Amino acid sequence: MISIDIEKKLKAYKGQHVLQIKQQFATGSITKIYGPSGAGKTTLLKTIAGFTEPERGKIIVNDAVWFDTETKVNLPPQNRMAGFVFQDYALFPNMTVQEHLAYATTDTEWIKRLLAIGKLGPFTTHKPEYLSGGQQQRLAILRALAIKPKLLLMDEPFSALDPDNKSALIEELKIIFRELGVTVLIVTHNPRELDGLTDLEIIVQ
């Protein structure tokens, strides 16, 4: 179970906006998060991961306190061990596809399986600059999964994929998510593209 109760100030076009989220997510659930631009969807994910800090609140994951302003607990991102798929991919330019995954795990069989899921087997020696946008996006997803996270945060993870590749990948991810028992939060600008994948949805506005 993930319990979130936070307030985070955001810069907005017309002054200041406060992101207020009070929500619980069941273990193993998949949630889509959508809402207008600038509402704080990406900020919510980064706050959970520990990349940014809210002014007030508490984040509890599987009974472990990750953040609490009252008790001054604030686990660093490396201790939270959440898988994160960044909207801009955040790939390492000097690393090959294989090296991205090997950096996250030493399980060679798991790496082989991930490469097959992402259709990146023929590109293991390629660096990001030699991959298409869709291939880079798939690599970002595979890297986040490589650590077998218990919490996966995905920011617009399918935006660069064509319909066929998107459908095929989503079907594979359904299986992986169930196997890992991972709790998944997915920010999307198009809620319909996740129909059949997610269990619940929240609107950030």
Protein backbone atom coordinates (compact mmCIF):
# COMPACT_ATOMS: atom_id res chain seq x y z
CA MET A 1 0.00 0.00 0.00
CA ILE A 2 1.21 3.48 -0.88
CA SER A 3 -0.21 6.39 1.07
CA ILE A 4 0.38 9.95 -0.12
CA ASP A 5 -0.76 13.16 1.56
CA ILE A 6 1.26 16.12 0.30
CA GLU A 7 1.16 19.80 -0.59
CA LYS A 8 3.65 21.22 -3.08
CA LYS A 9 3.81 24.78 -4.36
CA LEU A 10 4.08 25.12 -8.13
CA LYS A 11 4.88 28.06 -10.34
CA ALA A 12 1.90 28.77 -12.54
CA TYR A 13 1.13 31.11 -15.43
CA LYS A 14 -1.12 33.19 -13.20
CA GLY A 15 0.80 33.23 -9.96
CA GLN A 16 1.19 30.20 -7.73
CA HIS A 17 -0.61 26.88 -7.76
CA VAL A 18 -0.60 24.35 -4.92
CA LEU A 19 -0.54 20.67 -5.76
CA GLN A 20 -2.61 18.85 -3.16
CA ILE A 21 -2.78 15.07 -3.30
CA LYS A 22 -4.29 12.74 -0.73
CA GLN A 23 -4.51 9.25 -2.16
CA GLN A 24 -3.87 5.60 -1.43
CA PHE A 25 -2.70 3.06 -4.00
CA ALA A 26 -3.10 -0.66 -3.40
CA THR A 27 -0.03 -2.85 -3.83
CA GLY A 28 0.12 -4.17 -7.39
CA SER A 29 -2.37 -1.61 -8.72
CA ILE A 30 -1.86 0.39 -11.91
CA THR A 31 -3.06 3.99 -11.88
CA LYS A 32 -3.27 6.50 -14.71
CA ILE A 33 -2.79 10.14 -13.79
CA TYR A 34 -3.99 12.88 -16.09
CA GLY A 35 -5.04 16.50 -16.07
CA PRO A 36 -4.25 19.86 -17.69
CA SER A 37 -0.72 20.99 -18.52
CA GLY A 38 1.02 22.56 -15.54
CA ALA A 39 -1.23 20.93 -12.96
CA GLY A 40 1.68 19.08 -11.36
CA LYS A 41 1.48 15.54 -12.75
CA THR A 42 5.23 15.20 -13.32
CA THR A 43 5.95 16.98 -10.04
CA LEU A 44 3.84 14.37 -8.24
CA LEU A 45 5.98 11.54 -9.62
CA LYS A 46 9.23 13.35 -8.84
CA THR A 47 8.03 14.06 -5.30
CA ILE A 48 7.27 10.38 -4.69
CA ALA A 49 10.67 9.39 -6.10
CA GLY A 50 12.47 11.94 -3.93
CA PHE A 51 13.71 14.22 -6.71
CA THR A 52 11.76 17.17 -5.32
CA GLU A 53 10.43 17.97 -1.85
CA PRO A 54 6.92 19.07 -0.89
CA GLU A 55 6.29 21.82 1.65
CA ARG A 56 4.08 19.58 3.75
CA GLY A 57 3.02 15.99 3.96
CA LYS A 58 3.79 12.35 4.27
CA ILE A 59 4.64 9.51 1.88
CA ILE A 60 4.44 5.95 3.18
CA VAL A 61 5.28 2.95 0.98
CA ASN A 62 4.64 -0.58 2.27
CA ASP A 63 4.68 0.68 5.88
CA ALA A 64 8.05 2.43 5.38
CA VAL A 65 8.05 6.21 5.82
CA TRP A 66 9.75 7.81 2.83
CA PHE A 67 8.87 11.39 3.66
CA ASP A 68 7.31 13.12 6.66
CA THR A 69 7.59 16.82 7.42
CA GLU A 70 6.52 16.29 11.04
CA THR A 71 9.26 13.79 11.90
CA LYS A 72 11.72 15.27 9.36
CA VAL A 73 12.13 12.00 7.45
CA ASN A 74 13.25 12.36 3.83
CA LEU A 75 14.78 9.27 2.24
CA PRO A 76 17.09 10.05 -0.69
CA PRO A 77 16.06 8.70 -4.11
CA GLN A 78 18.65 5.91 -4.06
CA ASN A 79 17.10 4.53 -0.88
CA ARG A 80 13.57 4.65 -2.26
CA MET A 81 14.56 2.44 -5.22
CA ALA A 82 11.59 3.43 -7.36
CA GLY A 83 11.77 2.70 -11.07
CA PHE A 84 11.36 5.97 -12.97
CA VAL A 85 10.67 6.53 -16.67
CA PHE A 86 11.42 10.16 -17.44
CA GLN A 87 9.50 12.06 -20.10
CA ASP A 88 12.81 13.01 -21.77
CA TYR A 89 14.18 9.44 -21.23
CA ALA A 90 17.30 10.66 -19.30
CA LEU A 91 19.51 8.05 -20.99
CA PHE A 92 23.29 8.08 -20.60
CA PRO A 93 24.78 9.22 -23.95
CA ASN A 94 28.03 7.26 -23.43
CA MET A 95 26.33 3.94 -22.63
CA THR A 96 25.08 1.30 -25.06
CA VAL A 97 21.68 -0.34 -24.76
CA GLN A 98 23.32 -3.36 -23.07
CA GLU A 99 25.28 -1.16 -20.67
CA HIS A 100 22.14 0.71 -19.60
CA LEU A 101 20.57 -2.53 -18.45
CA ALA A 102 23.76 -4.07 -17.05
CA TYR A 103 24.23 -0.92 -14.96
CA ALA A 104 20.91 -1.65 -13.27
CA THR A 105 21.14 -5.46 -12.88
CA THR A 106 23.60 -8.34 -13.18
CA ASP A 107 20.83 -10.83 -14.04
CA THR A 108 21.71 -11.71 -17.63
CA GLU A 109 18.56 -13.76 -18.22
CA TRP A 110 16.39 -10.87 -17.07
CA ILE A 111 18.30 -8.52 -19.39
CA LYS A 112 17.71 -10.88 -22.33
CA ARG A 113 14.01 -10.99 -21.56
CA LEU A 114 13.77 -7.21 -21.29
CA LEU A 115 15.58 -6.78 -24.61
CA ALA A 116 13.09 -9.14 -26.23
CA ILE A 117 10.12 -7.28 -24.74
CA GLY A 118 11.47 -3.96 -26.00
CA LYS A 119 12.55 -5.39 -29.37
CA LEU A 120 16.04 -4.05 -28.76
CA GLY A 121 17.99 -7.31 -29.11
CA PRO A 122 19.61 -6.26 -32.42
CA PHE A 123 20.66 -2.89 -30.96
CA THR A 124 22.57 -3.88 -27.82
CA THR A 125 25.79 -2.14 -28.94
CA HIS A 126 24.02 1.07 -29.99
CA LYS A 127 24.27 4.27 -27.98
CA PRO A 128 21.15 6.46 -27.61
CA GLU A 129 22.07 8.85 -30.43
CA TYR A 130 21.81 5.94 -32.88
CA LEU A 131 18.36 4.89 -31.70
CA SER A 132 15.03 6.26 -32.86
CA GLY A 133 12.81 8.15 -30.43
CA GLY A 134 10.63 5.09 -29.95
CA GLN A 135 13.65 2.87 -29.30
CA GLN A 136 15.01 5.35 -26.76
CA GLN A 137 11.65 5.40 -25.01
CA ARG A 138 11.52 1.62 -24.87
CA LEU A 139 15.05 1.55 -23.45
CA ALA A 140 14.03 4.02 -20.74
CA ILE A 141 11.16 1.70 -19.77
CA LEU A 142 13.39 -1.39 -19.76
CA ARG A 143 16.02 0.33 -17.62
CA ALA A 144 13.38 1.27 -15.05
CA LEU A 145 12.18 -2.35 -14.97
CA ALA A 146 15.70 -3.80 -14.75
CA ILE A 147 15.89 -3.28 -10.98
CA LYS A 148 12.59 -5.15 -10.54
CA PRO A 149 11.10 -2.23 -8.61
CA LYS A 150 8.18 -2.50 -6.23
CA LEU A 151 7.10 0.98 -7.35
CA LEU A 152 7.27 2.14 -10.97
CA LEU A 153 6.68 5.79 -11.90
CA MET A 154 6.17 6.47 -15.62
CA ASP A 155 5.94 9.94 -17.16
CA GLU A 156 4.33 9.85 -20.63
CA PRO A 157 6.02 6.49 -21.32
CA PHE A 158 4.37 5.71 -24.66
CA SER A 159 4.33 9.13 -26.35
CA ALA A 160 6.98 8.29 -28.98
CA LEU A 161 5.63 4.86 -29.93
CA ASP A 162 3.54 4.09 -32.98
CA PRO A 163 0.19 2.38 -32.34
CA ASP A 164 1.40 -1.15 -33.17
CA ASN A 165 4.54 -0.98 -31.02
CA LYS A 166 2.58 0.67 -28.22
CA SER A 167 -0.08 -2.06 -28.17
CA ALA A 168 2.49 -4.85 -28.27
CA LEU A 169 4.56 -3.31 -25.49
CA ILE A 170 1.56 -2.67 -23.25
CA GLU A 171 0.52 -6.33 -23.57
CA GLU A 172 4.02 -7.44 -22.53
CA LEU A 173 4.08 -4.95 -19.66
CA LYS A 174 0.80 -6.31 -18.29
CA ILE A 175 2.51 -9.67 -17.80
CA ILE A 176 5.66 -8.16 -16.28
CA PHE A 177 3.70 -5.95 -13.88
CA ARG A 178 1.74 -8.95 -12.60
CA GLU A 179 4.89 -11.06 -12.16
CA LEU A 180 6.72 -8.36 -10.23
CA GLY A 181 3.68 -7.32 -8.21
CA VAL A 182 4.76 -3.77 -8.89
CA THR A 183 2.62 -0.76 -8.09
CA VAL A 184 2.55 1.51 -11.16
CA LEU A 185 1.68 5.19 -11.56
CA ILE A 186 1.49 6.41 -15.16
CA VAL A 187 1.17 10.06 -16.18
CA THR A 188 -0.50 10.42 -19.57
CA HIS A 189 -1.96 13.19 -21.72
CA ASN A 190 -4.18 10.61 -23.40
CA PRO A 191 -6.12 8.53 -20.83
CA ARG A 192 -7.69 6.38 -23.55
CA GLU A 193 -4.36 4.86 -24.58
CA LEU A 194 -4.20 3.07 -21.22
CA ASP A 195 -7.67 1.54 -21.35
CA GLY A 196 -7.42 -2.10 -20.35
CA LEU A 197 -4.10 -1.60 -18.56
CA THR A 198 -4.94 0.50 -15.51
CA ASP A 199 -7.07 -0.31 -12.47
CA LEU A 200 -7.94 3.24 -11.44
CA GLU A 201 -7.38 6.84 -12.40
CA ILE A 202 -6.84 10.19 -10.70
CA ILE A 203 -7.10 13.67 -12.14
CA VAL A 204 -4.57 16.30 -11.11
CA GLN A 205 -5.87 19.82 -11.64
